[in-house]
Amino acid sequence: MMAANASSRMADQETVADGLPAPADLRRAEPQRGMALLTWDPACRRSVSMARELGVPLQTIHYLWYRRPWVAPLKYALQTVATLRWLHSNRPGLVVVQSPPPFAAWVVWLYCRLSSASFVIDAHTGLFLEPKWRAFLPLSRLLMRSAALTLVTNEALRVRVQAWGANAFVLPDPLPDLVQSDDRFPLDPTHFNVAAVFSFYEDEPVEEVLSVRHLPPDMRVYVTGDSTRVPERLRRRLSPQVTLTGFLPRARFDSLILSCDAVVVLCTRPHTLLCGAYESVAAGKPLLTSHSDAMRAYFRGGTLFTDNSTLGIESGLADLYQRRAALEAEMRDARRRLRAGWRRTCVQFLIELERLGISSDDLPRLV
């Protein structure tokens, strides 16, 4: 068994799963004040970026394997104990907790019930749309009604949460901080190199992107993610211009995004703002992404849209190749606009929390 614990650069906290404070201990523990972000997702770039921009600690609590449903009952039990122990030791006055899984929000709700702390739910799109969380939507509704506020990434989800009788606020992801390290991804600079950001998850057009064949001769497409999930029949049909990179460590992944000429990130699910798209903007790279109202509303400039079919992806890649210089210039402008816009929205988020009764002692000061 292996336990993983990652923190942002703002805090380096250790989580230990042995020992659980009794409810009476939690009641006696008055909050020390301040905001903390908490997630059970070890790969959540949104939480890392938000903690960096807000200047508050991020606590990531995760055990065993990632995205392996058969270990979920055990890992959630371990993470519940570790979360309560961390909350009892640190006693934040305001906790921003990622959901899914909704059980992380339930643990934070319990802590807040037994203390005078408050909490905000950072509700990701999968909570509303992924089939595995559908049975837990009643729990999510109850938790959102108890939270001071629920963060969502787009207007459609804000309307849905408010229809449940909860307070909601739209806060997209901040642009991530990509770092070029010595662990460089090997790219041939004589080619037009495209990074296709994939996780081989249920909401991605995997077969369609791996079936592309009609590409500009000097284009190379590097498809990231755990390629052990790719069926053999698709591997046999891969174009020689398409490479499966396998899962890349963060440093090498960042290197690929920073060094490539363009980024592709696709999704079949509505109301989803894709992490790979934020990474493309942060790197200033032209983007090809799926047509959806949410994506079109947020990613304007330097971005082309496709219908997720193989033909549409091939056409989009060809268009990306032909218009690369103009799209690069547009993306640089988009990067400046989105960074400034996120900052303004974040200020409004903090003002809304104060309006809802959150103590100013618990809120960060943006500089």
Protein backbone atom coordinates (compact mmCIF):
# COMPACT_ATOMS: atom_id res chain seq x y z
CA MET A 1 0.00 0.00 0.00
CA MET A 2 1.32 3.44 -0.85
CA ALA A 3 0.01 6.78 0.37
CA ALA A 4 0.42 9.90 -1.75
CA ASN A 5 0.26 13.40 -0.32
CA ALA A 6 0.91 16.46 -2.48
CA SER A 7 0.73 20.09 -1.38
CA SER A 8 1.12 23.35 -3.23
CA ARG A 9 4.20 25.51 -2.77
CA MET A 10 2.24 27.59 -0.27
CA ALA A 11 2.12 24.72 2.23
CA ASP A 12 3.74 21.38 2.75
CA GLN A 13 1.49 19.57 5.20
CA GLU A 14 1.72 15.89 6.12
CA THR A 15 -1.42 13.77 6.31
CA VAL A 16 -1.48 10.74 8.56
CA ALA A 17 -4.34 8.28 8.69
CA ASP A 18 -3.79 6.91 12.20
CA GLY A 19 -6.03 8.35 14.85
CA LEU A 20 -9.35 10.15 14.50
CA PRO A 21 -10.45 13.02 16.73
CA ALA A 22 -13.64 12.41 18.64
CA PRO A 23 -16.62 14.69 17.86
CA ALA A 24 -16.21 16.36 21.25
CA ASP A 25 -12.62 17.27 20.36
CA LEU A 26 -13.82 18.89 17.14
CA ARG A 27 -16.41 20.93 19.03
CA ARG A 28 -13.75 22.24 21.41
CA ALA A 29 -11.40 23.17 18.56
CA GLU A 30 -12.15 26.76 17.57
CA PRO A 31 -10.88 27.56 14.06
CA GLN A 32 -7.49 29.23 13.79
CA ARG A 33 -9.00 31.28 10.92
CA GLY A 34 -7.86 31.54 7.34
CA MET A 35 -8.80 29.76 4.11
CA ALA A 36 -7.55 26.37 2.92
CA LEU A 37 -8.21 24.40 -0.25
CA LEU A 38 -8.73 20.67 0.09
CA THR A 39 -8.93 17.98 -2.59
CA TRP A 40 -8.91 14.19 -2.80
CA ASP A 41 -7.78 14.37 -6.44
CA PRO A 42 -3.99 14.05 -6.82
CA ALA A 43 -4.09 15.27 -10.43
CA CYS A 44 -6.27 18.37 -10.04
CA ARG A 45 -4.50 21.29 -11.70
CA ARG A 46 -7.44 23.62 -11.00
CA SER A 47 -6.93 23.30 -7.25
CA VAL A 48 -3.17 23.86 -7.56
CA SER A 49 -3.68 26.96 -9.70
CA MET A 50 -6.38 28.40 -7.44
CA ALA A 51 -4.23 27.93 -4.33
CA ARG A 52 -1.33 29.67 -6.07
CA GLU A 53 -3.43 32.64 -7.21
CA LEU A 54 -5.18 33.04 -3.85
CA GLY A 55 -1.98 32.55 -1.85
CA VAL A 56 -3.57 29.94 0.43
CA PRO A 57 -2.51 26.37 1.32
CA LEU A 58 -3.68 23.39 -0.69
CA GLN A 59 -4.01 20.04 1.05
CA THR A 60 -4.22 17.01 -1.24
CA ILE A 61 -5.21 13.78 0.51
CA HIS A 62 -5.07 10.64 -1.57
CA TYR A 63 -4.33 6.97 -0.94
CA LEU A 64 -3.81 3.93 -3.16
CA TRP A 65 -4.36 4.07 -6.93
CA TYR A 66 -5.91 6.84 -8.97
CA ARG A 67 -9.12 6.16 -10.95
CA ARG A 68 -9.37 2.53 -9.88
CA PRO A 69 -13.02 2.08 -8.77
CA TRP A 70 -12.42 -1.27 -7.13
CA VAL A 71 -10.28 0.33 -4.39
CA ALA A 72 -12.61 3.30 -3.85
CA PRO A 73 -14.32 2.07 -0.63
CA LEU A 74 -10.99 1.52 1.11
CA LYS A 75 -9.32 4.68 -0.17
CA TYR A 76 -12.32 6.85 0.76
CA ALA A 77 -12.32 5.41 4.28
CA LEU A 78 -8.60 6.18 4.66
CA GLN A 79 -9.06 9.67 3.20
CA THR A 80 -11.99 10.40 5.53
CA VAL A 81 -9.86 9.66 8.57
CA ALA A 82 -6.88 11.61 7.24
CA THR A 83 -9.08 14.60 6.30
CA LEU A 84 -10.72 14.83 9.72
CA ARG A 85 -7.34 14.56 11.37
CA TRP A 86 -5.88 17.32 9.17
CA LEU A 87 -8.87 19.60 9.73
CA HIS A 88 -8.67 19.03 13.50
CA SER A 89 -4.94 19.85 13.53
CA ASN A 90 -5.10 22.93 11.27
CA ARG A 91 -8.61 24.23 12.03
CA PRO A 92 -9.14 26.52 9.01
CA GLY A 93 -12.00 28.96 9.32
CA LEU A 94 -13.01 28.49 5.67
CA VAL A 95 -12.47 25.33 3.62
CA VAL A 96 -12.84 25.22 -0.17
CA VAL A 97 -13.32 21.53 -0.97
CA GLN A 98 -13.35 19.91 -4.41
CA SER A 99 -16.25 17.68 -5.40
CA PRO A 100 -16.27 15.02 -6.81
CA PRO A 101 -15.98 12.90 -4.91
CA PRO A 102 -18.93 14.25 -2.88
CA PHE A 103 -17.67 12.32 0.15
CA ALA A 104 -14.83 14.82 0.55
CA ALA A 105 -17.41 17.60 0.79
CA TRP A 106 -19.40 15.51 3.29
CA VAL A 107 -16.34 15.18 5.55
CA VAL A 108 -15.77 18.94 5.42
CA TRP A 109 -19.46 19.52 6.15
CA LEU A 110 -19.11 17.32 9.24
CA TYR A 111 -16.09 19.29 10.44
CA CYS A 112 -17.98 22.56 9.95
CA ARG A 113 -21.03 21.24 11.80
CA LEU A 114 -18.84 20.39 14.77
CA SER A 115 -16.95 23.69 14.74
CA SER A 116 -17.70 27.28 13.78
CA ALA A 117 -16.00 26.99 10.38
CA SER A 118 -17.60 27.52 6.96
CA PHE A 119 -17.10 25.76 3.65
CA VAL A 120 -17.31 26.32 -0.10
CA ILE A 121 -17.77 23.47 -2.59
CA ASP A 122 -15.72 23.64 -5.77
CA ALA A 123 -18.05 21.56 -7.96
CA HIS A 124 -16.42 20.16 -11.09
CA THR A 125 -18.48 19.28 -14.14
CA GLY A 126 -18.14 15.53 -13.63
CA LEU A 127 -20.17 15.77 -10.44
CA PHE A 128 -23.22 16.71 -12.51
CA LEU A 129 -22.65 14.68 -15.67
CA GLU A 130 -20.64 11.53 -14.99
CA PRO A 131 -22.86 8.44 -14.58
CA LYS A 132 -20.93 7.17 -11.55
CA TRP A 133 -21.90 10.24 -9.50
CA ARG A 134 -25.57 10.31 -10.55
CA ALA A 135 -26.74 8.25 -7.56
CA PHE A 136 -25.06 10.75 -5.22
CA LEU A 137 -26.71 13.88 -6.62
CA PRO A 138 -29.20 14.05 -3.70
CA LEU A 139 -26.22 14.13 -1.32
CA SER A 140 -24.56 16.83 -3.41
CA ARG A 141 -27.74 18.92 -3.37
CA LEU A 142 -27.96 18.75 0.42
CA LEU A 143 -24.31 19.63 0.84
CA MET A 144 -24.55 22.59 -1.55
CA ARG A 145 -27.52 23.97 0.39
CA SER A 146 -25.39 23.84 3.55
CA ALA A 147 -22.32 25.41 1.94
CA ALA A 148 -21.77 29.14 2.00
CA LEU A 149 -21.25 29.00 -1.77
CA THR A 150 -20.74 26.52 -4.61
CA LEU A 151 -18.18 27.32 -7.28
CA VAL A 152 -18.87 26.14 -10.83
CA THR A 153 -17.05 26.75 -14.10
CA ASN A 154 -19.85 28.05 -16.31
CA GLU A 155 -23.25 29.69 -16.35
CA ALA A 156 -25.29 26.56 -17.17
CA LEU A 157 -24.07 24.85 -14.01
CA ARG A 158 -24.66 27.99 -11.94
CA VAL A 159 -28.30 27.98 -13.00
CA ARG A 160 -28.59 24.30 -12.08
CA VAL A 161 -27.11 24.74 -8.61
CA GLN A 162 -29.29 27.75 -7.87
CA ALA A 163 -32.34 25.74 -8.93
CA TRP A 164 -31.38 23.33 -6.13
CA GLY A 165 -31.73 26.18 -3.63
CA ALA A 166 -27.98 26.78 -3.16
CA ASN A 167 -25.76 29.82 -3.69
CA ALA A 168 -23.55 29.51 -6.76
CA PHE A 169 -20.76 31.51 -8.37
CA VAL A 170 -18.97 31.04 -11.71
CA LEU A 171 -15.20 30.90 -11.30
CA PRO A 172 -13.30 29.37 -14.24
CA ASP A 173 -9.86 27.86 -13.76
CA PRO A 174 -6.97 30.29 -13.45
CA LEU A 175 -4.34 29.77 -16.11
CA PRO A 176 -1.83 27.22 -14.79
CA ASP A 177 1.84 27.87 -14.15
CA LEU A 178 3.74 25.75 -16.69
CA VAL A 179 7.42 25.20 -15.92
CA GLN A 180 10.08 24.30 -18.47
CA SER A 181 12.44 21.88 -16.72
CA ASP A 182 15.49 19.89 -17.72
CA ASP A 183 13.21 16.90 -18.37
CA ARG A 184 12.42 17.99 -21.92
CA PHE A 185 10.11 16.15 -24.24
CA PRO A 186 12.03 15.17 -27.41
CA LEU A 187 10.46 16.97 -30.37
CA ASP A 188 11.86 17.35 -33.87
CA PRO A 189 11.85 21.12 -34.59
CA THR A 190 11.63 20.47 -38.34
CA HIS A 191 8.08 19.15 -37.85
CA PHE A 192 4.85 20.88 -36.86
CA ASN A 193 4.31 19.20 -33.49
CA VAL A 194 0.84 18.91 -31.96
CA ALA A 195 0.15 17.83 -28.36
CA ALA A 196 -3.20 16.03 -28.08
CA VAL A 197 -4.06 16.11 -24.37
CA PHE A 198 -5.99 12.96 -23.47
CA SER A 199 -6.65 10.82 -20.39
CA PHE A 200 -8.53 8.07 -22.30
CA TYR A 201 -11.54 8.76 -20.11
CA GLU A 202 -15.16 8.03 -20.95
CA ASP A 203 -15.91 11.58 -22.16
CA GLU A 204 -13.24 11.75 -24.88
CA PRO A 205 -13.53 10.86 -28.61
CA VAL A 206 -10.61 8.44 -28.39
CA GLU A 207 -11.35 6.34 -31.48
CA GLU A 208 -11.97 9.41 -33.62
CA VAL A 209 -8.66 11.10 -32.78
CA LEU A 210 -6.62 7.91 -33.11
CA SER A 211 -8.13 7.29 -36.54
CA VAL A 212 -6.79 10.49 -38.13
CA ARG A 213 -4.66 9.81 -41.21
CA HIS A 214 -5.01 12.71 -43.65
CA LEU A 215 -2.58 15.20 -42.10
CA PRO A 216 -0.05 17.70 -43.48
CA PRO A 217 3.14 15.74 -44.31
CA ASP A 218 5.35 17.44 -41.71
CA MET A 219 2.78 17.28 -38.88
CA ARG A 220 3.36 14.98 -35.88
CA VAL A 221 0.64 14.39 -33.26
CA TYR A 222 1.64 13.28 -29.74
CA VAL A 223 -1.29 11.82 -27.79
CA THR A 224 -0.73 11.96 -24.03
CA GLY A 225 -2.34 9.83 -21.32
CA ASP A 226 -2.29 6.24 -20.11
CA SER A 227 -2.05 4.45 -23.46
CA THR A 228 -2.50 1.03 -21.84
CA ARG A 229 -6.20 1.84 -22.17
CA VAL A 230 -5.97 1.98 -25.98
CA PRO A 231 -7.42 -1.17 -27.61
CA GLU A 232 -5.05 -3.17 -29.79
CA ARG A 233 -7.30 -2.70 -32.84
CA LEU A 234 -6.73 1.07 -32.61
CA ARG A 235 -2.99 0.67 -32.10
CA ARG A 236 -2.72 -1.37 -35.29
CA ARG A 237 -4.44 1.39 -37.28
CA LEU A 238 -2.39 4.32 -35.95
CA SER A 239 -0.97 6.67 -38.53
CA PRO A 240 2.86 6.82 -38.50
CA GLN A 241 2.38 10.54 -37.81
CA VAL A 242 0.60 9.79 -34.50
CA THR A 243 2.55 8.80 -31.38
CA LEU A 244 1.17 7.55 -28.06
CA THR A 245 3.38 9.09 -25.37
CA GLY A 246 1.98 7.14 -22.42
CA PHE A 247 1.42 8.87 -19.10
CA LEU A 248 3.88 11.75 -18.71
CA PRO A 249 5.19 13.06 -15.38
CA ARG A 250 4.18 16.66 -14.79
CA ALA A 251 7.59 18.14 -15.71
CA ARG A 252 7.74 16.31 -19.03
CA PHE A 253 4.09 17.06 -19.80
CA ASP A 254 4.69 20.77 -19.20
CA SER A 255 7.73 20.57 -21.46
CA LEU A 256 5.64 19.05 -24.25
CA ILE A 257 2.99 21.78 -24.00
CA LEU A 258 5.58 24.56 -23.89
CA SER A 259 7.62 23.13 -26.78
CA CYS A 260 4.89 22.02 -29.20
CA ASP A 261 3.38 24.15 -31.97
CA ALA A 262 -0.30 23.58 -31.15
CA VAL A 263 -2.60 21.74 -28.72
CA VAL A 264 -5.67 19.55 -29.26
CA VAL A 265 -8.06 18.80 -26.41
CA LEU A 266 -11.46 17.20 -27.03
CA CYS A 267 -14.51 16.24 -25.01
CA THR A 268 -17.93 14.79 -25.79
CA ARG A 269 -19.56 16.19 -22.63
CA PRO A 270 -21.42 19.54 -22.53
CA HIS A 271 -20.80 22.29 -19.94
CA THR A 272 -17.12 21.30 -19.64
CA LEU A 273 -14.16 23.67 -19.68
CA LEU A 274 -11.15 21.50 -20.39
CA CYS A 275 -7.94 21.67 -18.36
CA GLY A 276 -5.84 21.09 -21.49
CA ALA A 277 -7.38 24.19 -23.04
CA TYR A 278 -6.25 26.34 -20.10
CA GLU A 279 -2.77 24.81 -20.47
CA SER A 280 -2.74 25.68 -24.16
CA VAL A 281 -3.61 29.32 -23.42
CA ALA A 282 -1.00 29.50 -20.63
CA ALA A 283 1.64 28.28 -23.09
CA GLY A 284 0.41 30.64 -25.83
CA LYS A 285 -0.23 27.75 -28.24
CA PRO A 286 -2.99 27.65 -30.91
CA LEU A 287 -5.82 25.37 -29.78
CA LEU A 288 -8.16 22.93 -31.50
CA THR A 289 -11.01 21.89 -29.24
CA SER A 290 -14.55 20.53 -29.21
CA HIS A 291 -17.48 22.68 -30.19
CA SER A 292 -19.67 23.36 -27.16
CA ASP A 293 -21.42 26.46 -25.84
CA ALA A 294 -19.21 26.50 -22.73
CA MET A 295 -15.95 26.26 -24.68
CA ARG A 296 -17.01 28.82 -27.30
CA ALA A 297 -18.08 31.29 -24.63
CA TYR A 298 -14.77 31.20 -22.78
CA PHE A 299 -12.03 30.42 -25.31
CA ARG A 300 -12.08 33.17 -27.91
CA GLY A 301 -9.05 34.01 -30.02
CA GLY A 302 -6.34 31.57 -31.03
CA THR A 303 -8.88 28.73 -30.91
CA LEU A 304 -10.57 26.57 -33.56
CA PHE A 305 -13.51 24.26 -32.91
CA THR A 306 -14.41 20.80 -34.23
CA ASP A 307 -17.37 18.44 -34.10
CA ASN A 308 -15.28 15.51 -32.68
CA SER A 309 -15.55 13.38 -35.84
CA THR A 310 -12.35 12.04 -37.43
CA LEU A 311 -13.03 14.11 -40.54
CA GLY A 312 -13.68 17.20 -38.43
CA ILE A 313 -10.48 16.69 -36.42
CA GLU A 314 -8.42 16.24 -39.61
CA SER A 315 -9.95 19.38 -41.10
CA GLY A 316 -9.32 21.32 -37.88
CA LEU A 317 -5.68 20.21 -37.75
CA ALA A 318 -5.16 21.27 -41.36
CA ASP A 319 -6.74 24.67 -40.60
CA LEU A 320 -4.57 24.99 -37.49
CA TYR A 321 -1.49 24.30 -39.60
CA GLN A 322 -2.41 26.85 -42.27
CA ARG A 323 -3.34 29.64 -39.83
CA ARG A 324 -0.71 29.01 -37.16
CA ALA A 325 0.97 32.45 -37.23
CA ALA A 326 -2.30 34.39 -36.89
CA LEU A 327 -3.60 31.99 -34.23
CA GLU A 328 -0.41 32.35 -32.18
CA ALA A 329 -0.83 36.13 -32.11
CA GLU A 330 -4.49 35.79 -31.14
CA MET A 331 -3.61 33.35 -28.37
CA ARG A 332 -1.10 35.76 -26.82
CA ASP A 333 -3.85 38.38 -26.64
CA ALA A 334 -6.28 35.80 -25.22
CA ARG A 335 -3.77 34.86 -22.51
CA ARG A 336 -3.53 38.46 -21.30
CA ARG A 337 -7.30 38.89 -21.41
CA LEU A 338 -8.09 35.67 -19.53
CA ARG A 339 -5.52 36.35 -16.81
CA ALA A 340 -6.88 39.82 -16.17
CA GLY A 341 -10.48 38.60 -16.35
CA TRP A 342 -9.88 35.79 -13.87
CA ARG A 343 -8.35 38.23 -11.40
CA ARG A 344 -11.40 40.47 -11.59
CA THR A 345 -13.75 37.51 -11.18
CA CYS A 346 -11.79 36.24 -8.18
CA VAL A 347 -12.13 39.63 -6.47
CA GLN A 348 -15.90 39.42 -7.00
CA PHE A 349 -15.85 35.88 -5.55
CA LEU A 350 -14.21 37.15 -2.34
CA ILE A 351 -16.65 40.08 -2.14
CA GLU A 352 -19.54 37.61 -2.50
CA LEU A 353 -18.20 35.50 0.35
CA GLU A 354 -18.07 38.56 2.61
CA ARG A 355 -21.61 39.45 1.59
CA LEU A 356 -22.69 35.95 2.59
CA GLY A 357 -21.25 36.43 6.08
CA ILE A 358 -17.76 34.92 5.81
CA SER A 359 -15.36 36.73 8.14
CA SER A 360 -12.79 38.90 6.41
CA ASP A 361 -10.22 37.24 8.71
CA ASP A 362 -10.71 34.04 6.72
CA LEU A 363 -10.32 35.59 3.28
CA PRO A 364 -7.04 36.15 1.42
CA ARG A 365 -5.90 39.58 0.29
CA LEU A 366 -5.15 39.66 -3.41
CA VAL A 367 -2.23 41.88 -4.34
